[in-house]
């Protein structure tokens, strides 16, 4: 430790975070009372000050990630030690700085006074902790220790999950990484070597119970396995591997939630083996996160339903040969989301950027890939249906599932959102590794840029963020395993998605001019990271309609 470094204590961080949590709870209760009618949250009132509720969601995310980081760092069963504890203490200090600064900027809008904020968050003890945590010596010690140890911190996994992670890490490095740049630069389809390799490893059955041919235990969910696989594949390439298991995961969870026994017996083994590759069709040109307004129709006819309308942002829709389509089966528009059902539609698998298929009876499905700056490999399509016939037995849940498609879909989306956090973690980890490697190799003014304190500060901060986000993602997975944590899954998706952009940006900046060149993969990480805050629920909708609203609901029911 250098002469100017100050020793930080766990108790300091805990006291500061506890004081902050108390104030956040108080302001949430006040906001809930102000933005409610007859004991229920009023969305129309919330919409008048959306910026406040967006920040409430963001501050809550930061707070909970920091609290969990402290718990993880002192959990000996996670294999943690001095490195993880140093990171957690500095991260908590930054979190307090960020949140109290936001509250101080507009206290009245948070139903607070300056006196309340300063008396609770600007005490001498908290000020001393925040100042000590912010010292550059803490950051340089963290990054130097990372280099000495040869890793960025303990993953904190069980032996089985760690072995699982290593298997997919090896696959990503040996199979995915050598093909990733070609896929990205040429906007090519995912190579068969990757798809078939993951089929052989049982990857598409991660969220499917063993009794249906998957690898998840029959008696309990195992979201951690899904997360570690997703992160390692995304570390290799988001578009060429990291998102491959998202669609079968969403479809399988919808099937497990609402499917008939016959539907589960038929489709889950096919999804687990990879014989059926899934495509998910929810978004429409005029309706994204507002799924209650979906207009694609499914009209009942003899033998089934005919689908008409247009879906968009349908990732992997060309290659996929089994589609989950959220559509309107009830003609009464006043039913909104209660008029939606899920149909499972088969189609041939197509390569390339366009496809067109005509059924024997005349029904047509056609799609064209949407050009994107990143997230390439799976292709996202706009897909149109014209009298496309789906057998009646493919109505998810049978007649009892009619009008319940929205609820079945939400079951899949919770898993999809936490998986998005894992994908963001993978891209952040790849960015972090690339930044450190380049900083050690590249010399400026006769010495490696790693030797400059600004570079060390950036890399240390990146490492703290990656580890903190990963550990909170894993924590939320344990909640989902116990059939809890729906809001927290959205919360961690919100946090990981937004912060991943900063990490990828700083990794790119450390590369200087070469970060802007396709020669280095960090440019791919940067454009890939941008998509996280958009897909699986736009950042603003997740913050306002899910996280903030849930926080107010909880406050009113307390």
Protein backbone atom coordinates (compact mmCIF):
# COMPACT_ATOMS: atom_id res chain seq x y z
CA UNK A 1 0.00 0.00 0.00
CA UNK A 2 1.30 3.48 -0.87
CA UNK A 3 1.76 6.18 1.71
CA UNK A 4 -1.37 8.06 0.62
CA UNK A 5 -3.71 5.07 0.49
CA UNK A 6 -6.40 4.79 3.14
CA UNK A 7 -7.55 1.46 4.47
CA UNK A 8 -11.24 0.93 3.81
CA UNK A 9 -13.48 -1.12 6.07
CA UNK A 10 -16.54 -3.19 5.28
CA UNK A 11 -18.46 -1.47 8.09
CA UNK A 12 -17.96 1.93 6.41
CA UNK A 13 -19.50 0.72 3.17
CA UNK A 14 -22.37 -1.00 4.94
CA UNK A 15 -23.26 2.09 6.98
CA UNK A 16 -23.18 4.34 3.93
CA UNK A 17 -25.27 1.95 1.86
CA UNK A 18 -27.74 1.43 4.70
CA UNK A 19 -28.23 5.18 5.10
CA UNK A 20 -28.75 5.51 1.38
CA UNK A 21 -31.16 2.56 1.25
CA UNK A 22 -33.22 4.14 4.03
CA UNK A 23 -33.50 7.42 2.14
CA UNK A 24 -34.38 5.67 -1.12
CA UNK A 25 -37.12 3.77 0.70
CA UNK A 26 -38.49 6.98 2.19
CA UNK A 27 -38.58 8.87 -1.10
CA UNK A 28 -40.17 5.87 -2.85
CA UNK A 29 -42.97 5.85 -0.28
CA UNK A 30 -43.55 9.57 -0.77
CA UNK A 31 -43.55 9.24 -4.55
CA UNK A 32 -45.97 6.32 -4.30
CA UNK A 33 -48.46 8.36 -2.27
CA UNK A 34 -48.20 11.30 -4.64
CA UNK A 35 -48.60 9.17 -7.76
CA UNK A 36 -51.52 6.98 -6.77
CA UNK A 37 -55.31 7.01 -6.85
CA UNK A 38 -57.39 5.08 -4.34
CA UNK A 39 -54.40 3.10 -3.16
CA UNK A 40 -53.24 2.08 -6.64
CA UNK A 41 -50.32 3.42 -8.67
CA UNK A 42 -51.39 5.89 -11.35
CA UNK A 43 -49.32 5.44 -14.49
CA UNK A 44 -50.73 8.65 -15.94
CA UNK A 45 -49.42 10.58 -12.94
CA UNK A 46 -46.05 8.86 -13.20
CA UNK A 47 -45.83 9.87 -16.83
CA UNK A 48 -45.85 13.55 -15.89
CA UNK A 49 -42.41 13.18 -14.28
CA UNK A 50 -40.92 10.23 -16.15
CA UNK A 51 -37.35 11.43 -15.60
CA UNK A 52 -37.83 11.04 -11.84
CA UNK A 53 -39.02 7.46 -12.12
CA UNK A 54 -36.37 6.55 -14.65
CA UNK A 55 -33.75 7.76 -12.18
CA UNK A 56 -35.50 5.97 -9.32
CA UNK A 57 -35.14 2.70 -11.21
CA UNK A 58 -31.53 3.43 -12.09
CA UNK A 59 -30.58 4.44 -8.53
CA UNK A 60 -32.28 1.35 -7.14
CA UNK A 61 -30.35 -0.82 -9.57
CA UNK A 62 -27.04 0.75 -8.54
CA UNK A 63 -27.89 0.42 -4.87
CA UNK A 64 -28.80 -3.26 -5.04
CA UNK A 65 -25.83 -4.18 -7.17
CA UNK A 66 -23.51 -2.49 -4.66
CA UNK A 67 -25.18 -4.14 -1.65
CA UNK A 68 -24.90 -7.56 -3.24
CA UNK A 69 -21.25 -6.94 -4.18
CA UNK A 70 -20.38 -6.40 -0.52
CA UNK A 71 -22.16 -9.61 0.51
CA UNK A 72 -20.38 -11.59 -2.22
CA UNK A 73 -16.93 -10.18 -1.42
CA UNK A 74 -17.09 -11.39 2.19
CA UNK A 75 -18.63 -14.78 1.42
CA UNK A 76 -15.77 -17.23 1.89
CA UNK A 77 -17.70 -19.95 0.07
CA UNK A 78 -17.33 -17.91 -3.12
CA UNK A 79 -13.54 -18.11 -3.05
CA UNK A 80 -13.20 -14.38 -2.54
CA UNK A 81 -10.36 -12.51 -0.90
CA UNK A 82 -8.53 -9.21 -0.80
CA UNK A 83 -9.03 -8.38 -4.49
CA UNK A 84 -12.79 -8.83 -4.44
CA UNK A 85 -13.11 -6.92 -1.17
CA UNK A 86 -11.09 -3.97 -2.47
CA UNK A 87 -13.26 -3.86 -5.57
CA UNK A 88 -16.50 -4.04 -3.60
CA UNK A 89 -15.48 -1.24 -1.22
CA UNK A 90 -14.47 1.14 -4.00
CA UNK A 91 -17.55 0.24 -6.03
CA UNK A 92 -19.82 0.97 -3.07
CA UNK A 93 -18.10 4.34 -2.61
CA UNK A 94 -18.79 5.26 -6.23
CA UNK A 95 -22.39 4.16 -5.85
CA UNK A 96 -22.94 6.45 -2.87
CA UNK A 97 -21.32 9.32 -4.75
CA UNK A 98 -23.54 8.78 -7.79
CA UNK A 99 -26.82 8.47 -5.94
CA UNK A 100 -26.39 11.26 -3.45
CA UNK A 101 -25.29 13.57 -6.27
CA UNK A 102 -28.46 12.79 -8.22
CA UNK A 103 -30.66 13.38 -5.19
CA UNK A 104 -28.89 16.63 -4.36
CA UNK A 105 -29.44 17.95 -7.88
CA UNK A 106 -33.26 17.86 -7.68
CA UNK A 107 -34.40 17.12 -4.11
CA UNK A 108 -37.92 18.52 -4.46
CA UNK A 109 -38.68 16.25 -7.39
CA UNK A 110 -37.85 13.29 -5.16
CA UNK A 111 -40.10 14.66 -2.40
CA UNK A 112 -37.02 15.40 -0.29
CA UNK A 113 -35.33 18.44 1.20
CA UNK A 114 -31.68 19.41 1.08
CA UNK A 115 -31.58 19.07 4.84
CA UNK A 116 -32.77 15.46 4.70
CA UNK A 117 -30.23 14.52 2.05
CA UNK A 118 -27.29 16.21 3.71
CA UNK A 119 -28.13 15.03 7.23
CA UNK A 120 -28.33 11.41 6.10
CA UNK A 121 -25.87 11.07 3.22
CA UNK A 122 -23.29 13.80 3.85
CA UNK A 123 -22.28 12.97 7.41
CA UNK A 124 -18.62 13.27 8.34
CA UNK A 125 -18.34 9.48 8.47
CA UNK A 126 -19.86 8.92 5.02
CA UNK A 127 -17.87 11.80 3.53
CA UNK A 128 -14.65 10.31 4.88
CA UNK A 129 -15.50 6.90 3.45
CA UNK A 130 -16.46 8.23 0.02
CA UNK A 131 -13.31 10.36 -0.16
CA UNK A 132 -11.11 7.43 0.83
CA UNK A 133 -12.83 5.06 -1.59
CA UNK A 134 -12.27 7.50 -4.46
CA UNK A 135 -8.50 7.72 -4.04
CA UNK A 136 -6.61 6.69 -7.14
CA UNK A 137 -4.33 4.46 -5.06
CA UNK A 138 -7.24 2.09 -4.46
CA UNK A 139 -7.79 1.72 -8.19
CA UNK A 140 -4.14 1.20 -9.04
CA UNK A 141 -3.85 -1.41 -6.28
CA UNK A 142 -6.86 -3.24 -7.70
CA UNK A 143 -5.56 -3.42 -11.25
CA UNK A 144 -2.01 -4.31 -10.19
CA UNK A 145 -3.41 -7.13 -8.08
CA UNK A 146 -5.44 -8.33 -11.06
CA UNK A 147 -2.25 -8.53 -13.10
CA UNK A 148 -0.37 -10.30 -10.29
CA UNK A 149 -3.13 -12.88 -9.79
CA UNK A 150 -3.82 -13.37 -13.48
CA UNK A 151 -7.60 -13.07 -13.11
CA UNK A 152 -10.29 -10.45 -12.53
CA UNK A 153 -11.87 -11.97 -9.44
CA UNK A 154 -13.56 -15.16 -8.33
CA UNK A 155 -16.66 -16.20 -10.22
CA UNK A 156 -18.08 -17.62 -7.00
CA UNK A 157 -19.57 -20.71 -8.64
CA UNK A 158 -20.06 -24.22 -7.34
CA UNK A 159 -17.59 -26.83 -8.56
CA UNK A 160 -20.12 -28.22 -11.03
CA UNK A 161 -20.99 -24.82 -12.44
CA UNK A 162 -17.33 -23.84 -12.68
CA UNK A 163 -16.56 -27.01 -14.64
CA UNK A 164 -19.52 -26.23 -16.87
CA UNK A 165 -18.19 -22.71 -17.43
CA UNK A 166 -14.76 -23.99 -18.39
CA UNK A 167 -16.23 -26.37 -20.97
CA UNK A 168 -18.07 -23.57 -22.75
CA UNK A 169 -15.19 -21.15 -22.32
CA UNK A 170 -12.99 -23.61 -24.22
CA UNK A 171 -15.65 -24.00 -26.91
CA UNK A 172 -15.95 -20.23 -27.26
CA UNK A 173 -12.20 -19.74 -27.56
CA UNK A 174 -11.58 -22.65 -29.93
CA UNK A 175 -14.71 -22.63 -32.10
CA UNK A 176 -16.49 -19.28 -31.77
CA UNK A 177 -13.68 -16.72 -31.60
CA UNK A 178 -11.88 -17.88 -34.80
CA UNK A 179 -15.14 -17.37 -36.74
CA UNK A 180 -16.56 -14.32 -34.97
CA UNK A 181 -14.90 -11.57 -36.99
CA UNK A 182 -15.88 -13.10 -40.34
CA UNK A 183 -19.51 -13.35 -39.24
CA UNK A 184 -19.51 -9.73 -38.07
CA UNK A 185 -17.70 -8.13 -41.00
CA UNK A 186 -19.63 -10.03 -43.67
CA UNK A 187 -22.97 -10.07 -41.83
CA UNK A 188 -22.88 -13.81 -42.39
CA UNK A 189 -25.08 -16.50 -40.88
CA UNK A 190 -23.77 -18.38 -37.85
CA UNK A 191 -21.52 -21.20 -39.12
CA UNK A 192 -22.82 -24.75 -38.83
CA UNK A 193 -19.70 -25.65 -36.80
CA UNK A 194 -20.99 -23.45 -34.00
CA UNK A 195 -24.64 -24.53 -34.20
CA UNK A 196 -23.84 -28.24 -34.47
CA UNK A 197 -21.22 -28.02 -31.75
CA UNK A 198 -23.74 -26.53 -29.35
CA UNK A 199 -26.30 -29.15 -30.33
CA UNK A 200 -23.82 -31.88 -29.48
CA UNK A 201 -23.16 -30.26 -26.10
CA UNK A 202 -26.86 -30.18 -25.25
CA UNK A 203 -26.83 -26.40 -25.13
CA UNK A 204 -30.37 -25.95 -26.43
CA UNK A 205 -31.74 -28.02 -23.56
CA UNK A 206 -30.29 -25.91 -20.76
CA UNK A 207 -33.70 -24.73 -19.56
CA UNK A 208 -35.56 -27.93 -20.41
CA UNK A 209 -36.04 -30.62 -17.72
CA UNK A 210 -34.32 -33.95 -18.18
CA UNK A 211 -37.64 -35.77 -18.56
CA UNK A 212 -38.18 -33.81 -21.78
CA UNK A 213 -34.69 -34.47 -23.11
CA UNK A 214 -32.98 -31.41 -21.66
CA UNK A 215 -30.21 -31.14 -19.09
CA UNK A 216 -32.01 -29.17 -16.37
CA UNK A 217 -32.84 -31.23 -13.26
CA UNK A 218 -36.48 -32.30 -13.15
CA UNK A 219 -36.97 -31.16 -9.57
CA UNK A 220 -35.66 -27.60 -9.81
CA UNK A 221 -34.71 -24.83 -12.26
CA UNK A 222 -31.02 -24.12 -12.84
CA UNK A 223 -30.68 -20.59 -14.15
CA UNK A 224 -27.01 -20.39 -13.14
CA UNK A 225 -26.05 -22.95 -15.79
CA UNK A 226 -27.86 -20.92 -18.40
CA UNK A 227 -26.08 -17.75 -17.27
CA UNK A 228 -22.54 -19.13 -17.24
CA UNK A 229 -23.00 -20.67 -20.70
CA UNK A 230 -24.52 -17.49 -22.08
CA UNK A 231 -21.75 -15.32 -20.68
CA UNK A 232 -18.94 -17.46 -22.06
CA UNK A 233 -20.53 -17.74 -25.50
CA UNK A 234 -21.17 -13.97 -25.54
CA UNK A 235 -17.58 -13.38 -24.54
CA UNK A 236 -16.67 -15.18 -27.76
CA UNK A 237 -19.29 -13.42 -29.87
CA UNK A 238 -22.70 -12.02 -29.05
CA UNK A 239 -24.09 -12.48 -32.54
CA UNK A 240 -22.38 -15.71 -33.54
CA UNK A 241 -23.00 -17.64 -30.32
CA UNK A 242 -24.12 -15.72 -27.23
CA UNK A 243 -27.75 -15.34 -28.27
CA UNK A 244 -28.33 -18.78 -29.74
CA UNK A 245 -29.90 -20.21 -26.61
CA UNK A 246 -32.15 -17.22 -25.87
CA UNK A 247 -34.95 -18.20 -28.22
CA UNK A 248 -35.24 -21.87 -27.19
CA UNK A 249 -35.07 -20.70 -23.58
CA UNK A 250 -37.98 -18.27 -24.05
CA UNK A 251 -40.02 -20.82 -25.99
CA UNK A 252 -39.37 -23.66 -23.57
CA UNK A 253 -40.35 -21.56 -20.55
CA UNK A 254 -43.58 -20.51 -22.26
CA UNK A 255 -44.28 -24.18 -23.02
CA UNK A 256 -43.51 -25.26 -19.48
CA UNK A 257 -45.75 -22.50 -18.13
CA UNK A 258 -48.77 -22.94 -20.36
CA UNK A 259 -48.40 -25.87 -22.73
CA UNK A 260 -50.60 -28.93 -22.63
CA UNK A 261 -48.93 -32.21 -21.73
CA UNK A 262 -49.12 -33.27 -25.37
CA UNK A 263 -47.43 -30.03 -26.48
CA UNK A 264 -44.66 -30.40 -23.92
CA UNK A 265 -44.07 -34.02 -24.90
CA UNK A 266 -43.90 -33.10 -28.58
CA UNK A 267 -41.96 -29.84 -28.71
CA UNK A 268 -39.61 -29.76 -25.73
CA UNK A 269 -37.51 -32.79 -26.81
CA UNK A 270 -37.23 -31.30 -30.31
CA UNK A 271 -36.07 -27.98 -28.88
CA UNK A 272 -33.62 -29.67 -26.51
CA UNK A 273 -31.96 -31.64 -29.31
CA UNK A 274 -31.80 -28.68 -31.65
CA UNK A 275 -33.91 -30.49 -34.23
CA UNK A 276 -36.28 -27.55 -33.94
CA UNK A 277 -34.61 -24.14 -33.88
CA UNK A 278 -36.78 -21.48 -32.29
CA UNK A 279 -37.81 -18.05 -33.48
CA UNK A 280 -39.78 -15.61 -31.30
CA UNK A 281 -42.27 -13.20 -32.88
CA UNK A 282 -43.70 -10.57 -30.59
CA UNK A 283 -42.68 -7.08 -31.77
CA UNK A 284 -44.59 -5.34 -34.57
CA UNK A 285 -43.78 -2.20 -36.58
CA UNK A 286 -46.11 -0.12 -34.40
CA UNK A 287 -45.90 -2.09 -31.16
CA UNK A 288 -42.72 -2.96 -29.33
CA UNK A 289 -42.70 -3.10 -25.55
CA UNK A 290 -46.41 -2.16 -25.62
CA UNK A 291 -47.43 -5.72 -26.44
CA UNK A 292 -51.05 -5.13 -25.40
CA UNK A 293 -51.53 -3.29 -28.69
CA UNK A 294 -50.42 -6.17 -30.91
CA UNK A 295 -52.43 -6.30 -34.13
CA UNK A 296 -51.29 -9.45 -35.97
CA UNK A 297 -54.42 -11.57 -36.12
CA UNK A 298 -55.08 -15.28 -35.92
CA UNK A 299 -58.57 -16.07 -37.17
CA UNK A 300 -60.01 -19.46 -36.36
CA UNK A 301 -60.92 -21.54 -39.40
CA UNK A 302 -61.58 -25.20 -40.05
CA UNK A 303 -58.56 -27.10 -38.78
CA UNK A 304 -56.75 -24.23 -37.13
CA UNK A 305 -55.94 -20.53 -37.36
CA UNK A 306 -54.84 -18.31 -40.24
CA UNK A 307 -52.34 -15.61 -39.35
CA UNK A 308 -52.23 -12.22 -41.05
CA UNK A 309 -50.03 -9.22 -40.38
CA UNK A 310 -46.43 -8.16 -39.91
CA UNK A 311 -43.91 -8.87 -37.17
CA UNK A 312 -40.52 -7.21 -36.93
CA UNK A 313 -37.19 -7.69 -35.17
CA UNK A 314 -37.67 -11.45 -35.38
CA UNK A 315 -34.16 -12.69 -34.65
CA UNK A 316 -33.13 -15.94 -36.33
CA UNK A 317 -36.48 -16.14 -38.13
CA UNK A 318 -34.89 -17.34 -41.36
CA UNK A 319 -32.97 -20.30 -39.96
CA UNK A 320 -35.62 -21.13 -37.35
CA UNK A 321 -38.11 -23.85 -38.21
CA UNK A 322 -40.43 -23.40 -35.23
CA UNK A 323 -41.91 -19.99 -34.48
CA UNK A 324 -43.60 -18.73 -31.34
CA UNK A 325 -46.08 -16.10 -32.50
CA UNK A 326 -47.90 -13.82 -30.07
CA UNK A 327 -51.04 -12.82 -31.94
CA UNK A 328 -54.59 -11.58 -31.46
CA UNK A 329 -57.09 -14.43 -31.48
CA UNK A 330 -59.97 -12.37 -30.05
CA UNK A 331 -61.43 -9.67 -32.29
CA UNK A 332 -62.61 -7.43 -29.44
CA UNK A 333 -59.88 -4.71 -29.16
CA UNK A 334 -61.02 -3.76 -25.66
CA UNK A 335 -59.58 -7.05 -24.38
CA UNK A 336 -56.07 -5.70 -25.06
CA UNK A 337 -53.50 -8.19 -23.70
CA UNK A 338 -56.27 -10.58 -22.66
CA UNK A 339 -57.09 -11.08 -26.32
CA UNK A 340 -53.64 -12.45 -27.15
CA UNK A 341 -52.68 -16.09 -27.62
CA UNK A 342 -49.54 -17.95 -28.65
CA UNK A 343 -49.37 -20.13 -31.73
CA UNK A 344 -46.47 -22.42 -32.58
CA UNK A 345 -45.92 -22.36 -36.34
CA UNK A 346 -43.61 -24.57 -38.36
CA UNK A 347 -41.73 -23.49 -41.47
CA UNK A 348 -38.69 -24.70 -43.42
CA UNK A 349 -35.25 -23.46 -42.40
CA UNK A 350 -33.74 -20.88 -44.76
CA UNK A 351 -30.22 -19.51 -45.12
CA UNK A 352 -29.48 -15.97 -46.19
CA UNK A 353 -31.07 -12.58 -45.68
CA UNK A 354 -34.48 -13.27 -47.27
CA UNK A 355 -36.98 -16.10 -47.38
CA UNK A 356 -40.37 -16.81 -48.90
CA UNK A 357 -42.46 -19.90 -48.24
CA UNK A 358 -45.89 -20.80 -49.60
CA UNK A 359 -47.99 -23.50 -47.99
CA UNK A 360 -49.88 -26.05 -50.07
CA UNK A 361 -53.11 -24.33 -49.11
CA UNK A 362 -51.83 -20.95 -50.28
CA UNK A 363 -50.70 -19.38 -47.00
CA UNK A 364 -47.51 -17.35 -47.24
CA UNK A 365 -44.74 -16.32 -44.87
CA UNK A 366 -41.91 -14.13 -46.08
CA UNK A 367 -39.11 -12.28 -44.37
CA UNK A 368 -36.26 -9.90 -45.03
CA UNK A 369 -33.32 -9.25 -42.70
CA UNK A 370 -32.94 -5.77 -41.25
CA UNK A 371 -29.45 -4.35 -41.64
CA UNK A 372 -27.85 -3.60 -38.27
CA UNK A 373 -24.57 -2.06 -37.09
CA UNK A 374 -23.86 -4.98 -34.78
CA UNK A 375 -25.36 -8.15 -33.32
CA UNK A 376 -24.77 -9.92 -36.60
CA UNK A 377 -24.96 -13.62 -37.32
CA UNK A 378 -28.53 -14.50 -36.46
CA UNK A 379 -30.13 -11.73 -38.54
CA UNK A 380 -33.27 -9.96 -37.37
CA UNK A 381 -36.13 -10.03 -39.84
CA UNK A 382 -39.32 -8.25 -40.69
CA UNK A 383 -41.77 -11.07 -41.34
CA UNK A 384 -45.17 -10.90 -43.01
CA UNK A 385 -47.96 -13.47 -42.86
CA UNK A 386 -50.75 -13.88 -45.38
CA UNK A 387 -53.37 -16.48 -44.44
CA UNK A 388 -50.63 -18.63 -42.91
CA UNK A 389 -52.32 -21.72 -41.50
CA UNK A 390 -51.36 -23.09 -38.09
CA UNK A 391 -53.00 -26.31 -36.83
CA UNK A 392 -55.43 -25.91 -33.94
CA UNK A 393 -53.36 -28.25 -31.77
CA UNK A 394 -50.53 -25.68 -31.92
CA UNK A 395 -52.48 -23.15 -29.86
CA UNK A 396 -50.35 -23.00 -26.72
CA UNK A 397 -52.33 -24.40 -23.83
CA UNK A 398 -55.11 -25.57 -26.10
CA UNK A 399 -58.50 -23.93 -25.74
CA UNK A 400 -57.70 -23.19 -22.09
CA UNK A 401 -54.71 -21.15 -23.21
CA UNK A 402 -56.72 -18.90 -25.46
CA UNK A 403 -56.34 -15.29 -24.38
CA UNK A 404 -53.46 -16.16 -22.05
CA UNK A 405 -50.58 -15.73 -24.48
CA UNK A 406 -49.39 -12.53 -22.83
CA UNK A 407 -48.92 -14.30 -19.49
CA UNK A 408 -47.16 -17.28 -21.04
CA UNK A 409 -44.89 -14.88 -22.91
CA UNK A 410 -44.00 -12.99 -19.74
CA UNK A 411 -42.76 -16.24 -18.19
CA UNK A 412 -40.30 -16.56 -21.03
CA UNK A 413 -39.32 -12.90 -20.97
CA UNK A 414 -38.17 -13.00 -17.34
CA UNK A 415 -35.60 -15.61 -18.31
CA UNK A 416 -34.79 -13.70 -21.48
CA UNK A 417 -34.07 -10.53 -19.51
CA UNK A 418 -31.70 -12.12 -17.04
CA UNK A 419 -30.05 -13.86 -19.95
CA UNK A 420 -29.56 -10.46 -21.57
CA UNK A 421 -27.69 -9.42 -18.44
CA UNK A 422 -25.46 -12.48 -18.86
CA UNK A 423 -24.89 -11.57 -22.50
CA UNK A 424 -23.89 -8.08 -21.42
CA UNK A 425 -21.53 -9.59 -18.85
CA UNK A 426 -19.88 -11.64 -21.57
CA UNK A 427 -19.34 -8.65 -23.84
CA UNK A 428 -18.04 -6.63 -20.89
CA UNK A 429 -15.62 -9.40 -19.92
CA UNK A 430 -14.31 -9.59 -23.48
CA UNK A 431 -13.93 -5.79 -23.54
CA UNK A 432 -12.09 -5.79 -20.21
CA UNK A 433 -9.68 -8.51 -21.29
CA UNK A 434 -9.00 -6.76 -24.59
CA UNK A 435 -8.38 -3.43 -22.85
CA UNK A 436 -5.86 -4.86 -20.39
CA UNK A 437 -4.07 -6.85 -23.08
CA UNK A 438 -3.72 -3.86 -25.40
CA UNK A 439 -2.71 -1.52 -22.57
CA UNK A 440 0.18 -3.82 -21.68
CA UNK A 441 1.33 -4.13 -25.29
CA UNK A 442 0.90 -0.60 -26.63
CA UNK A 443 3.59 1.96 -25.79
CA UNK A 444 3.07 5.73 -25.73
CA UNK A 445 5.90 8.10 -24.86
CA UNK A 446 8.26 5.15 -24.41
CA UNK A 447 6.21 3.18 -21.88
CA UNK A 448 3.15 0.93 -21.95
CA UNK A 449 -0.10 2.82 -21.59
CA UNK A 450 -0.88 0.42 -18.76
CA UNK A 451 1.71 2.26 -16.67
CA UNK A 452 -0.30 5.49 -16.74
CA UNK A 453 -2.63 6.05 -13.80
CA UNK A 454 -5.59 7.05 -15.97
CA UNK A 455 -5.41 3.72 -17.79
CA UNK A 456 -5.19 1.83 -14.51
CA UNK A 457 -8.13 3.78 -13.14
CA UNK A 458 -10.25 2.89 -16.15
CA UNK A 459 -9.37 -0.79 -16.14
CA UNK A 460 -9.94 -1.09 -12.39
CA UNK A 461 -13.33 0.57 -12.70
CA UNK A 462 -14.23 -1.71 -15.61
CA UNK A 463 -13.23 -4.77 -13.58
CA UNK A 464 -15.34 -3.64 -10.61
CA UNK A 465 -18.37 -3.10 -12.80
CA UNK A 466 -18.06 -6.45 -14.54
CA UNK A 467 -17.69 -8.38 -11.30
CA UNK A 468 -20.45 -6.48 -9.50
CA UNK A 469 -22.88 -6.98 -12.38
CA UNK A 470 -22.04 -10.66 -12.77
CA UNK A 471 -22.59 -11.36 -9.09
CA UNK A 472 -25.93 -9.57 -8.99
CA UNK A 473 -27.01 -11.44 -12.12
CA UNK A 474 -26.17 -14.71 -10.39
CA UNK A 475 -28.06 -13.61 -7.30
CA UNK A 476 -31.17 -12.87 -9.33
CA UNK A 477 -30.84 -16.32 -10.92
CA UNK A 478 -31.21 -17.87 -7.47
CA UNK A 479 -34.39 -15.84 -6.96
CA UNK A 480 -35.81 -17.10 -10.24
CA UNK A 481 -34.88 -20.64 -9.29
CA UNK A 482 -37.18 -20.16 -6.31
CA UNK A 483 -39.96 -18.67 -8.45
CA UNK A 484 -39.26 -15.12 -7.32
CA UNK A 485 -37.38 -12.16 -8.77
CA UNK A 486 -39.46 -11.15 -11.78
CA UNK A 487 -38.83 -7.45 -11.15
CA UNK A 488 -35.19 -8.08 -10.23
CA UNK A 489 -34.66 -9.83 -13.58
CA UNK A 490 -35.74 -6.62 -15.27
CA UNK A 491 -33.64 -4.55 -12.86
CA UNK A 492 -30.42 -6.40 -13.63
CA UNK A 493 -31.19 -6.33 -17.35
CA UNK A 494 -31.60 -2.55 -17.09
CA UNK A 495 -28.34 -2.11 -15.19
CA UNK A 496 -26.15 -4.53 -17.14
CA UNK A 497 -27.36 -3.26 -20.50
CA UNK A 498 -26.65 0.38 -19.78
CA UNK A 499 -23.33 -0.09 -18.03
CA UNK A 500 -22.05 -2.45 -20.74
CA UNK A 501 -21.98 0.47 -23.15
CA UNK A 502 -19.63 2.38 -20.86
CA UNK A 503 -17.30 -0.60 -20.41
CA UNK A 504 -17.13 -1.31 -24.15
CA UNK A 505 -16.63 2.38 -24.86
CA UNK A 506 -13.70 2.67 -22.46
CA UNK A 507 -12.12 -0.50 -23.83
CA UNK A 508 -12.39 1.01 -27.28
CA UNK A 509 -10.90 4.30 -26.06
CA UNK A 510 -7.90 2.53 -24.54
CA UNK A 511 -7.21 1.12 -28.00
CA UNK A 512 -7.08 4.64 -29.43
CA UNK A 513 -7.32 4.75 -33.21
CA UNK A 514 -7.09 0.98 -33.46
CA UNK A 515 -10.25 0.72 -31.40
CA UNK A 516 -12.11 2.25 -34.32
CA UNK A 517 -10.61 -0.23 -36.77
CA UNK A 518 -12.16 -3.60 -37.54
CA UNK A 519 -8.72 -5.14 -37.11
CA UNK A 520 -9.39 -5.37 -33.37
CA UNK A 521 -12.55 -7.06 -32.01
CA UNK A 522 -13.13 -4.26 -29.50
CA UNK A 523 -14.96 -2.31 -32.22
CA UNK A 524 -17.37 -5.25 -32.49
CA UNK A 525 -17.87 -5.29 -28.73
CA UNK A 526 -18.78 -1.61 -28.85
CA UNK A 527 -21.52 -1.91 -31.49
CA UNK A 528 -22.79 -5.16 -29.98
CA UNK A 529 -23.13 -3.59 -26.53
CA UNK A 530 -25.44 -0.92 -27.89
CA UNK A 531 -28.25 -3.40 -28.56
CA UNK A 532 -28.69 -4.54 -24.96
CA UNK A 533 -30.69 -1.48 -23.89
CA UNK A 534 -33.02 -1.92 -26.85
CA UNK A 535 -33.96 -5.58 -27.20
CA UNK A 536 -35.78 -7.76 -24.66
CA UNK A 537 -37.58 -4.58 -23.55
CA UNK A 538 -36.41 -1.03 -24.17
CA UNK A 539 -34.48 0.60 -21.33
CA UNK A 540 -37.06 3.32 -20.72
CA UNK A 541 -40.03 0.96 -20.67
CA UNK A 542 -38.23 -1.43 -18.33
CA UNK A 543 -37.34 1.42 -15.97
CA UNK A 544 -40.74 3.12 -15.97
CA UNK A 545 -43.34 0.44 -16.53
CA UNK A 546 -41.70 -2.45 -14.71
CA UNK A 547 -39.09 -1.42 -12.14
CA UNK A 548 -40.37 1.97 -10.96
CA UNK A 549 -44.01 0.88 -11.00
CA UNK A 550 -43.18 -2.26 -9.04
CA UNK A 551 -41.26 -0.21 -6.48
CA UNK A 552 -44.27 2.07 -6.01
CA UNK A 553 -46.61 -0.93 -5.79
CA UNK A 554 -44.43 -2.40 -3.05
CA UNK A 555 -44.37 0.91 -1.19
CA UNK A 556 -48.16 1.19 -1.25
CA UNK A 557 -48.63 -2.37 -0.02
CA UNK A 558 -46.10 -2.05 2.81
